[in-house]
Amino acid sequence: LRLSCAASGSTFRINSMGWYRQAPGKQRELVAFINSGGNT
């Protein structure tokens, strides 16, 4: 699957974008993120 996330509004100083997930009965966890320098 490919997930997409579009940000709009005051977006010109985005530091990072990322994905989290939460399964039933579990804590929300970080899946992946990418910062302004392209580091993941």
ModelCIF file with pLDDT and N, C-alpha, C, O atoms, coordinates in Angstrom:
data_MODEL
#
_entry.id   MODEL 
#
_entity.id                         1 
_entity.type                       polymer 
_entity.pdbx_number_of_molecules   1 
#
_entity_poly.entity_id                      1 
_entity_poly.type                           'polypeptide(L)' 
_entity_poly.nstd_linkage                   no 
_entity_poly.nstd_monomer                   no 
_entity_poly.pdbx_seq_one_letter_code       LRLSCAASGSTFRINSMGWYRQAPGKQRELVAFINSGGNT 
_entity_poly.pdbx_seq_one_letter_code_can   LRLSCAASGSTFRINSMGWYRQAPGKQRELVAFINSGGNT 
_entity_poly.pdbx_strand_id                 A 
#
loop_
_entity_poly_seq.entity_id 
_entity_poly_seq.num 
_entity_poly_seq.mon_id 
_entity_poly_seq.hetero 
1 1  LEU n 
1 2  ARG n 
1 3  LEU n 
1 4  SER n 
1 5  CYS n 
1 6  ALA n 
1 7  ALA n 
1 8  SER n 
1 9  GLY n 
1 10 SER n 
1 11 THR n 
1 12 PHE n 
1 13 ARG n 
1 14 ILE n 
1 15 ASN n 
1 16 SER n 
1 17 MET n 
1 18 GLY n 
1 19 TRP n 
1 20 TYR n 
1 21 ARG n 
1 22 GLN n 
1 23 ALA n 
1 24 PRO n 
1 25 GLY n 
1 26 LYS n 
1 27 GLN n 
1 28 ARG n 
1 29 GLU n 
1 30 LEU n 
1 31 VAL n 
1 32 ALA n 
1 33 PHE n 
1 34 ILE n 
1 35 ASN n 
1 36 SER n 
1 37 GLY n 
1 38 GLY n 
1 39 ASN n 
1 40 THR n 
#
_struct_asym.id          A 
_struct_asym.entity_id   1 
#
loop_
_ma_qa_metric.id 
_ma_qa_metric.mode 
_ma_qa_metric.name 
_ma_qa_metric.software_group_id 
_ma_qa_metric.type 
1 global pLDDT . pLDDT 
2 local  pLDDT . pLDDT 
#
_ma_qa_metric_global.metric_id      1 
_ma_qa_metric_global.metric_value   94.12 
_ma_qa_metric_global.model_id       1 
_ma_qa_metric_global.ordinal_id     1 
#
loop_
_ma_qa_metric_local.label_asym_id 
_ma_qa_metric_local.label_comp_id 
_ma_qa_metric_local.label_seq_id 
_ma_qa_metric_local.metric_id 
_ma_qa_metric_local.metric_value 
_ma_qa_metric_local.model_id 
_ma_qa_metric_local.ordinal_id 
A LEU 1  2 98.00 1 1  
A ARG 2  2 98.00 1 2  
A LEU 3  2 98.00 1 3  
A SER 4  2 98.00 1 4  
A CYS 5  2 97.00 1 5  
A ALA 6  2 96.00 1 6  
A ALA 7  2 95.00 1 7  
A SER 8  2 94.00 1 8  
A GLY 9  2 91.00 1 9  
A SER 10 2 83.00 1 10 
A THR 11 2 75.00 1 11 
A PHE 12 2 74.00 1 12 
A ARG 13 2 86.00 1 13 
A ILE 14 2 90.00 1 14 
A ASN 15 2 92.00 1 15 
A SER 16 2 95.00 1 16 
A MET 17 2 96.00 1 17 
A GLY 18 2 97.00 1 18 
A TRP 19 2 98.00 1 19 
A TYR 20 2 98.00 1 20 
A ARG 21 2 98.00 1 21 
A GLN 22 2 98.00 1 22 
A ALA 23 2 97.00 1 23 
A PRO 24 2 91.00 1 24 
A GLY 25 2 93.00 1 25 
A LYS 26 2 96.00 1 26 
A GLN 27 2 96.00 1 27 
A ARG 28 2 97.00 1 28 
A GLU 29 2 97.00 1 29 
A LEU 30 2 97.00 1 30 
A VAL 31 2 98.00 1 31 
A ALA 32 2 98.00 1 32 
A PHE 33 2 97.00 1 33 
A ILE 34 2 97.00 1 34 
A ASN 35 2 95.00 1 35 
A SER 36 2 90.00 1 36 
A GLY 37 2 92.00 1 37 
A GLY 38 2 94.00 1 38 
A ASN 39 2 97.00 1 39 
A THR 40 2 98.00 1 40 
#
loop_
_atom_site.group_PDB 
_atom_site.id 
_atom_site.type_symbol 
_atom_site.label_atom_id 
_atom_site.label_alt_id 
_atom_site.label_comp_id 
_atom_site.label_asym_id 
_atom_site.label_entity_id 
_atom_site.label_seq_id 
_atom_site.pdbx_PDB_ins_code 
_atom_site.Cartn_x 
_atom_site.Cartn_y 
_atom_site.Cartn_z 
_atom_site.occupancy 
_atom_site.B_iso_or_equiv 
_atom_site.pdbx_formal_charge 
_atom_site.auth_seq_id 
_atom_site.auth_comp_id 
_atom_site.auth_asym_id 
_atom_site.auth_atom_id 
_atom_site.pdbx_PDB_model_num 
ATOM 1   N N  . LEU A 1 1  ? 0.849  -1.175 0.000  1.00 98.00 ? 1  LEU A N  1 
ATOM 2   C CA . LEU A 1 1  ? 0.000  0.000  0.000  1.00 98.00 ? 1  LEU A CA 1 
ATOM 3   C C  . LEU A 1 1  ? 0.888  1.230  0.000  1.00 98.00 ? 1  LEU A C  1 
ATOM 4   O O  . LEU A 1 1  ? 2.027  1.184  0.466  1.00 98.00 ? 1  LEU A O  1 
ATOM 5   N N  . ARG A 1 2  ? 0.368  2.321  -0.520 1.00 98.00 ? 2  ARG A N  1 
ATOM 6   C CA . ARG A 1 2  ? 1.063  3.597  -0.466 1.00 98.00 ? 2  ARG A CA 1 
ATOM 7   C C  . ARG A 1 2  ? 0.153  4.633  0.181  1.00 98.00 ? 2  ARG A C  1 
ATOM 8   O O  . ARG A 1 2  ? -0.915 4.948  -0.345 1.00 98.00 ? 2  ARG A O  1 
ATOM 9   N N  . LEU A 1 3  ? 0.580  5.156  1.318  1.00 98.00 ? 3  LEU A N  1 
ATOM 10  C CA . LEU A 1 3  ? -0.155 6.199  2.009  1.00 98.00 ? 3  LEU A CA 1 
ATOM 11  C C  . LEU A 1 3  ? 0.346  7.563  1.569  1.00 98.00 ? 3  LEU A C  1 
ATOM 12  O O  . LEU A 1 3  ? 1.537  7.751  1.321  1.00 98.00 ? 3  LEU A O  1 
ATOM 13  N N  . SER A 1 4  ? -0.576 8.510  1.476  1.00 98.00 ? 4  SER A N  1 
ATOM 14  C CA . SER A 1 4  ? -0.240 9.881  1.130  1.00 98.00 ? 4  SER A CA 1 
ATOM 15  C C  . SER A 1 4  ? -0.765 10.818 2.202  1.00 98.00 ? 4  SER A C  1 
ATOM 16  O O  . SER A 1 4  ? -1.807 10.564 2.806  1.00 98.00 ? 4  SER A O  1 
ATOM 17  N N  . CYS A 1 5  ? -0.043 11.894 2.431  1.00 97.00 ? 5  CYS A N  1 
ATOM 18  C CA . CYS A 1 5  ? -0.440 12.898 3.398  1.00 97.00 ? 5  CYS A CA 1 
ATOM 19  C C  . CYS A 1 5  ? -0.103 14.266 2.835  1.00 97.00 ? 5  CYS A C  1 
ATOM 20  O O  . CYS A 1 5  ? 1.064  14.578 2.598  1.00 97.00 ? 5  CYS A O  1 
ATOM 21  N N  . ALA A 1 6  ? -1.125 15.081 2.622  1.00 96.00 ? 6  ALA A N  1 
ATOM 22  C CA . ALA A 1 6  ? -0.957 16.418 2.070  1.00 96.00 ? 6  ALA A CA 1 
ATOM 23  C C  . ALA A 1 6  ? -1.163 17.460 3.161  1.00 96.00 ? 6  ALA A C  1 
ATOM 24  O O  . ALA A 1 6  ? -2.199 17.478 3.826  1.00 96.00 ? 6  ALA A O  1 
ATOM 25  N N  . ALA A 1 7  ? -0.177 18.321 3.341  1.00 95.00 ? 7  ALA A N  1 
ATOM 26  C CA . ALA A 1 7  ? -0.250 19.410 4.298  1.00 95.00 ? 7  ALA A CA 1 
ATOM 27  C C  . ALA A 1 7  ? -0.545 20.713 3.569  1.00 95.00 ? 7  ALA A C  1 
ATOM 28  O O  . ALA A 1 7  ? 0.016  20.976 2.505  1.00 95.00 ? 7  ALA A O  1 
ATOM 29  N N  . SER A 1 8  ? -1.421 21.522 4.137  1.00 94.00 ? 8  SER A N  1 
ATOM 30  C CA . SER A 1 8  ? -1.753 22.816 3.553  1.00 94.00 ? 8  SER A CA 1 
ATOM 31  C C  . SER A 1 8  ? -1.873 23.854 4.656  1.00 94.00 ? 8  SER A C  1 
ATOM 32  O O  . SER A 1 8  ? -1.971 23.512 5.835  1.00 94.00 ? 8  SER A O  1 
ATOM 33  N N  . GLY A 1 9  ? -1.864 25.127 4.266  1.00 91.00 ? 9  GLY A N  1 
ATOM 34  C CA . GLY A 1 9  ? -1.895 26.211 5.220  1.00 91.00 ? 9  GLY A CA 1 
ATOM 35  C C  . GLY A 1 9  ? -0.516 26.818 5.391  1.00 91.00 ? 9  GLY A C  1 
ATOM 36  O O  . GLY A 1 9  ? 0.177  27.074 4.407  1.00 91.00 ? 9  GLY A O  1 
ATOM 37  N N  . SER A 1 10 ? -0.113 27.049 6.629  1.00 83.00 ? 10 SER A N  1 
ATOM 38  C CA . SER A 1 10 ? 1.178  27.665 6.929  1.00 83.00 ? 10 SER A CA 1 
ATOM 39  C C  . SER A 1 10 ? 2.268  26.606 6.927  1.00 83.00 ? 10 SER A C  1 
ATOM 40  O O  . SER A 1 10 ? 2.742  26.179 7.979  1.00 83.00 ? 10 SER A O  1 
ATOM 41  N N  . THR A 1 11 ? 2.657  26.187 5.724  1.00 75.00 ? 11 THR A N  1 
ATOM 42  C CA . THR A 1 11 ? 3.522  25.025 5.574  1.00 75.00 ? 11 THR A CA 1 
ATOM 43  C C  . THR A 1 11 ? 4.949  25.340 5.170  1.00 75.00 ? 11 THR A C  1 
ATOM 44  O O  . THR A 1 11 ? 5.750  24.419 5.004  1.00 75.00 ? 11 THR A O  1 
ATOM 45  N N  . PHE A 1 12 ? 5.296  26.615 5.006  1.00 74.00 ? 12 PHE A N  1 
ATOM 46  C CA . PHE A 1 12 ? 6.603  26.911 4.423  1.00 74.00 ? 12 PHE A CA 1 
ATOM 47  C C  . PHE A 1 12 ? 7.764  26.736 5.382  1.00 74.00 ? 12 PHE A C  1 
ATOM 48  O O  . PHE A 1 12 ? 8.916  26.883 4.972  1.00 74.00 ? 12 PHE A O  1 
ATOM 49  N N  . ARG A 1 13 ? 7.507  26.433 6.627  1.00 86.00 ? 13 ARG A N  1 
ATOM 50  C CA . ARG A 1 13 ? 8.590  26.155 7.577  1.00 86.00 ? 13 ARG A CA 1 
ATOM 51  C C  . ARG A 1 13 ? 8.377  24.797 8.240  1.00 86.00 ? 13 ARG A C  1 
ATOM 52  O O  . ARG A 1 13 ? 8.498  24.660 9.458  1.00 86.00 ? 13 ARG A O  1 
ATOM 53  N N  . ILE A 1 14 ? 8.064  23.812 7.433  1.00 90.00 ? 14 ILE A N  1 
ATOM 54  C CA . ILE A 1 14 ? 7.924  22.453 7.936  1.00 90.00 ? 14 ILE A CA 1 
ATOM 55  C C  . ILE A 1 14 ? 9.290  21.905 8.322  1.00 90.00 ? 14 ILE A C  1 
ATOM 56  O O  . ILE A 1 14 ? 10.219 21.915 7.515  1.00 90.00 ? 14 ILE A O  1 
ATOM 57  N N  . ASN A 1 15 ? 9.409  21.432 9.543  1.00 92.00 ? 15 ASN A N  1 
ATOM 58  C CA . ASN A 1 15 ? 10.643 20.810 10.012 1.00 92.00 ? 15 ASN A CA 1 
ATOM 59  C C  . ASN A 1 15 ? 10.699 19.323 9.697  1.00 92.00 ? 15 ASN A C  1 
ATOM 60  O O  . ASN A 1 15 ? 11.748 18.797 9.326  1.00 92.00 ? 15 ASN A O  1 
ATOM 61  N N  . SER A 1 16 ? 9.567  18.653 9.847  1.00 95.00 ? 16 SER A N  1 
ATOM 62  C CA . SER A 1 16 ? 9.536  17.228 9.575  1.00 95.00 ? 16 SER A CA 1 
ATOM 63  C C  . SER A 1 16 ? 8.116  16.782 9.297  1.00 95.00 ? 16 SER A C  1 
ATOM 64  O O  . SER A 1 16 ? 7.152  17.438 9.692  1.00 95.00 ? 16 SER A O  1 
ATOM 65  N N  . MET A 1 17 ? 8.002  15.660 8.615  1.00 96.00 ? 17 MET A N  1 
ATOM 66  C CA . MET A 1 17 ? 6.732  14.993 8.398  1.00 96.00 ? 17 MET A CA 1 
ATOM 67  C C  . MET A 1 17 ? 6.951  13.518 8.688  1.00 96.00 ? 17 MET A C  1 
ATOM 68  O O  . MET A 1 17 ? 8.015  12.967 8.408  1.00 96.00 ? 17 MET A O  1 
ATOM 69  N N  . GLY A 1 18 ? 5.937  12.892 9.248  1.00 97.00 ? 18 GLY A N  1 
ATOM 70  C CA . GLY A 1 18 ? 6.110  11.502 9.594  1.00 97.00 ? 18 GLY A CA 1 
ATOM 71  C C  . GLY A 1 18 ? 4.812  10.754 9.727  1.00 97.00 ? 18 GLY A C  1 
ATOM 72  O O  . GLY A 1 18 ? 3.723  11.314 9.598  1.00 97.00 ? 18 GLY A O  1 
ATOM 73  N N  . TRP A 1 19 ? 4.955  9.467  9.989  1.00 98.00 ? 19 TRP A N  1 
ATOM 74  C CA . TRP A 1 19 ? 3.825  8.567  10.146 1.00 98.00 ? 19 TRP A CA 1 
ATOM 75  C C  . TRP A 1 19 ? 3.922  7.845  11.475 1.00 98.00 ? 19 TRP A C  1 
ATOM 76  O O  . TRP A 1 19 ? 4.984  7.351  11.856 1.00 98.00 ? 19 TRP A O  1 
ATOM 77  N N  . TYR A 1 20 ? 2.797  7.789  12.177 1.00 98.00 ? 20 TYR A N  1 
ATOM 78  C CA . TYR A 1 20 ? 2.637  7.011  13.390 1.00 98.00 ? 20 TYR A CA 1 
ATOM 79  C C  . TYR A 1 20 ? 1.506  6.021  13.169 1.00 98.00 ? 20 TYR A C  1 
ATOM 80  O O  . TYR A 1 20 ? 0.711  6.172  12.242 1.00 98.00 ? 20 TYR A O  1 
ATOM 81  N N  . ARG A 1 21 ? 1.439  5.013  14.021 1.00 98.00 ? 21 ARG A N  1 
ATOM 82  C CA . ARG A 1 21 ? 0.331  4.072  13.927 1.00 98.00 ? 21 ARG A CA 1 
ATOM 83  C C  . ARG A 1 21 ? -0.084 3.617  15.313 1.00 98.00 ? 21 ARG A C  1 
ATOM 84  O O  . ARG A 1 21 ? 0.709  3.629  16.255 1.00 98.00 ? 21 ARG A O  1 
ATOM 85  N N  . GLN A 1 22 ? -1.337 3.219  15.416 1.00 98.00 ? 22 GLN A N  1 
ATOM 86  C CA . GLN A 1 22 ? -1.863 2.704  16.666 1.00 98.00 ? 22 GLN A CA 1 
ATOM 87  C C  . GLN A 1 22 ? -2.768 1.517  16.377 1.00 98.00 ? 22 GLN A C  1 
ATOM 88  O O  . GLN A 1 22 ? -3.770 1.639  15.672 1.00 98.00 ? 22 GLN A O  1 
ATOM 89  N N  . ALA A 1 23 ? -2.407 0.383  16.924 1.00 97.00 ? 23 ALA A N  1 
ATOM 90  C CA . ALA A 1 23 ? -3.204 -0.822 16.812 1.00 97.00 ? 23 ALA A CA 1 
ATOM 91  C C  . ALA A 1 23 ? -4.082 -0.960 18.046 1.00 97.00 ? 23 ALA A C  1 
ATOM 92  O O  . ALA A 1 23 ? -3.762 -0.397 19.093 1.00 97.00 ? 23 ALA A O  1 
ATOM 93  N N  . PRO A 1 24 ? -5.195 -1.705 17.944 1.00 91.00 ? 24 PRO A N  1 
ATOM 94  C CA . PRO A 1 24 ? -6.068 -1.878 19.101 1.00 91.00 ? 24 PRO A CA 1 
ATOM 95  C C  . PRO A 1 24 ? -5.313 -2.424 20.305 1.00 91.00 ? 24 PRO A C  1 
ATOM 96  O O  . PRO A 1 24 ? -4.581 -3.408 20.194 1.00 91.00 ? 24 PRO A O  1 
ATOM 97  N N  . GLY A 1 25 ? -5.492 -1.786 21.448 1.00 93.00 ? 25 GLY A N  1 
ATOM 98  C CA . GLY A 1 25 ? -4.858 -2.238 22.673 1.00 93.00 ? 25 GLY A CA 1 
ATOM 99  C C  . GLY A 1 25 ? -3.385 -1.912 22.798 1.00 93.00 ? 25 GLY A C  1 
ATOM 100 O O  . GLY A 1 25 ? -2.737 -2.354 23.746 1.00 93.00 ? 25 GLY A O  1 
ATOM 101 N N  . LYS A 1 26 ? -2.839 -1.146 21.861 1.00 96.00 ? 26 LYS A N  1 
ATOM 102 C CA . LYS A 1 26 ? -1.422 -0.825 21.886 1.00 96.00 ? 26 LYS A CA 1 
ATOM 103 C C  . LYS A 1 26 ? -1.210 0.682  21.899 1.00 96.00 ? 26 LYS A C  1 
ATOM 104 O O  . LYS A 1 26 ? -2.096 1.452  21.530 1.00 96.00 ? 26 LYS A O  1 
ATOM 105 N N  . GLN A 1 27 ? -0.024 1.088  22.328 1.00 96.00 ? 27 GLN A N  1 
ATOM 106 C CA . GLN A 1 27 ? 0.357  2.488  22.314 1.00 96.00 ? 27 GLN A CA 1 
ATOM 107 C C  . GLN A 1 27 ? 0.615  2.954  20.890 1.00 96.00 ? 27 GLN A C  1 
ATOM 108 O O  . GLN A 1 27 ? 1.002  2.164  20.028 1.00 96.00 ? 27 GLN A O  1 
ATOM 109 N N  . ARG A 1 28 ? 0.397  4.244  20.647 1.00 97.00 ? 28 ARG A N  1 
ATOM 110 C CA . ARG A 1 28 ? 0.771  4.815  19.372 1.00 97.00 ? 28 ARG A CA 1 
ATOM 111 C C  . ARG A 1 28 ? 2.286  4.788  19.242 1.00 97.00 ? 28 ARG A C  1 
ATOM 112 O O  . ARG A 1 28 ? 2.998  5.103  20.196 1.00 97.00 ? 28 ARG A O  1 
ATOM 113 N N  . GLU A 1 29 ? 2.777  4.419  18.078 1.00 97.00 ? 29 GLU A N  1 
ATOM 114 C CA . GLU A 1 29 ? 4.203  4.298  17.871 1.00 97.00 ? 29 GLU A CA 1 
ATOM 115 C C  . GLU A 1 29 ? 4.627  5.001  16.589 1.00 97.00 ? 29 GLU A C  1 
ATOM 116 O O  . GLU A 1 29 ? 3.869  5.100  15.624 1.00 97.00 ? 29 GLU A O  1 
ATOM 117 N N  . LEU A 1 30 ? 5.856  5.482  16.612 1.00 97.00 ? 30 LEU A N  1 
ATOM 118 C CA . LEU A 1 30 ? 6.439  6.078  15.419 1.00 97.00 ? 30 LEU A CA 1 
ATOM 119 C C  . LEU A 1 30 ? 6.743  4.991  14.396 1.00 97.00 ? 30 LEU A C  1 
ATOM 120 O O  . LEU A 1 30 ? 7.323  3.956  14.725 1.00 97.00 ? 30 LEU A O  1 
ATOM 121 N N  . VAL A 1 31 ? 6.346  5.238  13.155 1.00 98.00 ? 31 VAL A N  1 
ATOM 122 C CA . VAL A 1 31 ? 6.666  4.343  12.053 1.00 98.00 ? 31 VAL A CA 1 
ATOM 123 C C  . VAL A 1 31 ? 7.877  4.868  11.289 1.00 98.00 ? 31 VAL A C  1 
ATOM 124 O O  . VAL A 1 31 ? 8.849  4.140  11.083 1.00 98.00 ? 31 VAL A O  1 
ATOM 125 N N  . ALA A 1 32 ? 7.818  6.124  10.871 1.00 98.00 ? 32 ALA A N  1 
ATOM 126 C CA . ALA A 1 32 ? 8.901  6.725  10.109 1.00 98.00 ? 32 ALA A CA 1 
ATOM 127 C C  . ALA A 1 32 ? 8.713  8.228  10.081 1.00 98.00 ? 32 ALA A C  1 
ATOM 128 O O  . ALA A 1 32 ? 7.587  8.719  10.159 1.00 98.00 ? 32 ALA A O  1 
ATOM 129 N N  . PHE A 1 33 ? 9.817  8.963  9.970  1.00 97.00 ? 33 PHE A N  1 
ATOM 130 C CA . PHE A 1 33 ? 9.721  10.388 9.717  1.00 97.00 ? 33 PHE A CA 1 
ATOM 131 C C  . PHE A 1 33 ? 10.867 10.841 8.838  1.00 97.00 ? 33 PHE A C  1 
ATOM 132 O O  . PHE A 1 33 ? 11.896 10.174 8.728  1.00 97.00 ? 33 PHE A O  1 
ATOM 133 N N  . ILE A 1 34 ? 10.664 11.995 8.212  1.00 97.00 ? 34 ILE A N  1 
ATOM 134 C CA . ILE A 1 34 ? 11.675 12.596 7.361  1.00 97.00 ? 34 ILE A CA 1 
ATOM 135 C C  . ILE A 1 34 ? 11.771 14.069 7.725  1.00 97.00 ? 34 ILE A C  1 
ATOM 136 O O  . ILE A 1 34 ? 10.752 14.753 7.820  1.00 97.00 ? 34 ILE A O  1 
ATOM 137 N N  . ASN A 1 35 ? 12.996 14.568 7.931  1.00 95.00 ? 35 ASN A N  1 
ATOM 138 C CA . ASN A 1 35 ? 13.151 15.956 8.326  1.00 95.00 ? 35 ASN A CA 1 
ATOM 139 C C  . ASN A 1 35 ? 13.450 16.841 7.118  1.00 95.00 ? 35 ASN A C  1 
ATOM 140 O O  . ASN A 1 35 ? 13.490 16.372 5.981  1.00 95.00 ? 35 ASN A O  1 
ATOM 141 N N  . SER A 1 36 ? 13.659 18.131 7.390  1.00 90.00 ? 36 SER A N  1 
ATOM 142 C CA . SER A 1 36 ? 13.823 19.098 6.306  1.00 90.00 ? 36 SER A CA 1 
ATOM 143 C C  . SER A 1 36 ? 15.073 18.848 5.480  1.00 90.00 ? 36 SER A C  1 
ATOM 144 O O  . SER A 1 36 ? 15.146 19.279 4.329  1.00 90.00 ? 36 SER A O  1 
ATOM 145 N N  . GLY A 1 37 ? 16.059 18.157 6.046  1.00 92.00 ? 37 GLY A N  1 
ATOM 146 C CA . GLY A 1 37 ? 17.260 17.818 5.313  1.00 92.00 ? 37 GLY A CA 1 
ATOM 147 C C  . GLY A 1 37 ? 17.172 16.516 4.546  1.00 92.00 ? 37 GLY A C  1 
ATOM 148 O O  . GLY A 1 37 ? 18.135 16.108 3.897  1.00 92.00 ? 37 GLY A O  1 
ATOM 149 N N  . GLY A 1 38 ? 16.022 15.859 4.616  1.00 94.00 ? 38 GLY A N  1 
ATOM 150 C CA . GLY A 1 38 ? 15.831 14.601 3.926  1.00 94.00 ? 38 GLY A CA 1 
ATOM 151 C C  . GLY A 1 38 ? 16.292 13.382 4.707  1.00 94.00 ? 38 GLY A C  1 
ATOM 152 O O  . GLY A 1 38 ? 16.256 12.265 4.191  1.00 94.00 ? 38 GLY A O  1 
ATOM 153 N N  . ASN A 1 39 ? 16.724 13.583 5.943  1.00 97.00 ? 39 ASN A N  1 
ATOM 154 C CA . ASN A 1 39 ? 17.115 12.453 6.773  1.00 97.00 ? 39 ASN A CA 1 
ATOM 155 C C  . ASN A 1 39 ? 15.887 11.706 7.258  1.00 97.00 ? 39 ASN A C  1 
ATOM 156 O O  . ASN A 1 39 ? 14.873 12.314 7.600  1.00 97.00 ? 39 ASN A O  1 
ATOM 157 N N  . THR A 1 40 ? 15.982 10.391 7.287  1.00 98.00 ? 40 THR A N  1 
ATOM 158 C CA . THR A 1 40 ? 14.850 9.555  7.646  1.00 98.00 ? 40 THR A CA 1 
ATOM 159 C C  . THR A 1 40 ? 15.161 8.683  8.843  1.00 98.00 ? 40 THR A C  1 
ATOM 160 O O  . THR A 1 40 ? 14.310 7.910  9.283  1.00 98.00 ? 40 THR A O  1 
#
